[in-house]
Amino acid sequence: MKAFWTTSSASQWRVCLKGGDEFDALTGWRRVITFKAGERNRIKRRYRRRLRHAMKVCVAQLERAGDF
């Protein structure tokens, strides 16, 4: 799982998008495609959960390496 950040802020972390649903819901396509009630929130929730997991793994790796 690829994760990277641009600053020390957690809001700047990014994880690769998986599947067409995430691309549609989290990019500019969200203005074109109509989602059912709550569908986009579920997609965003899945993305944020994967993001938190990736952040936890990266921080653990940095702590083991002594860089953090």
Protein backbone atom coordinates (compact mmCIF):
# COMPACT_ATOMS: atom_id res chain seq x y z
CA MET A 1 0.00 0.00 0.00
CA LYS A 2 1.54 3.29 -1.04
CA ALA A 3 1.18 6.23 1.27
CA PHE A 4 3.00 9.52 1.26
CA TRP A 5 2.69 12.94 2.81
CA THR A 6 3.67 16.42 1.78
CA THR A 7 3.97 17.98 5.25
CA SER A 8 3.83 16.81 8.85
CA SER A 9 0.09 17.45 8.94
CA ALA A 10 -2.12 14.36 8.89
CA SER A 11 -4.50 16.11 6.51
CA GLN A 12 -1.83 16.07 3.79
CA TRP A 13 -1.50 12.26 3.66
CA ARG A 14 -2.57 10.52 0.46
CA VAL A 15 -3.26 6.89 -0.42
CA CYS A 16 -3.75 5.52 -3.91
CA LEU A 17 -7.40 5.39 -4.93
CA LYS A 18 -8.84 1.91 -5.42
CA GLY A 19 -11.57 1.26 -7.92
CA GLY A 20 -13.80 3.44 -10.00
CA ASP A 21 -16.11 4.33 -7.13
CA GLU A 22 -13.34 6.12 -5.26
CA PHE A 23 -12.17 7.92 -8.38
CA ASP A 24 -15.72 9.08 -9.07
CA ALA A 25 -16.49 10.13 -5.49
CA LEU A 26 -13.16 11.74 -4.56
CA THR A 27 -12.17 13.56 -7.75
CA GLY A 28 -13.85 16.15 -9.95
CA TRP A 29 -16.20 13.50 -11.30
CA ARG A 30 -18.29 13.90 -8.14
CA ARG A 31 -19.85 16.96 -9.80
CA VAL A 32 -20.91 14.91 -12.83
CA ILE A 33 -22.11 11.67 -11.26
CA THR A 34 -25.15 11.51 -9.00
CA PHE A 35 -24.80 9.27 -5.96
CA LYS A 36 -27.56 7.77 -3.87
CA ALA A 37 -28.06 9.14 -0.37
CA GLY A 38 -25.14 8.11 1.83
CA GLU A 39 -23.25 6.30 -0.93
CA ARG A 40 -20.51 8.90 -1.25
CA ASN A 41 -20.09 9.01 2.52
CA ARG A 42 -19.56 5.23 2.60
CA ILE A 43 -16.91 5.52 -0.12
CA LYS A 44 -15.15 8.32 1.75
CA ARG A 45 -15.31 6.33 5.01
CA ARG A 46 -13.61 3.33 3.34
CA TYR A 47 -10.90 5.60 1.91
CA ARG A 48 -10.26 7.30 5.27
CA ARG A 49 -10.08 3.94 7.05
CA ARG A 50 -7.43 2.72 4.57
CA LEU A 51 -5.60 6.04 4.97
CA ARG A 52 -5.48 5.74 8.77
CA HIS A 53 -4.16 2.20 8.48
CA ALA A 54 -1.43 3.30 6.05
CA MET A 55 -0.44 6.17 8.36
CA LYS A 56 -0.17 3.77 11.31
CA VAL A 57 2.02 1.38 9.31
CA CYS A 58 4.32 4.18 8.08
CA VAL A 59 4.75 5.66 11.54
CA ALA A 60 5.54 2.21 12.96
CA GLN A 61 8.19 1.69 10.27
CA LEU A 62 9.74 5.08 10.99
CA GLU A 63 9.81 4.37 14.74
CA ARG A 64 11.53 1.02 14.15
CA ALA A 65 14.11 2.71 11.93
CA GLY A 66 14.69 5.41 14.55
CA ASP A 67 13.78 8.23 12.17
CA PHE A 68 10.75 9.40 14.06
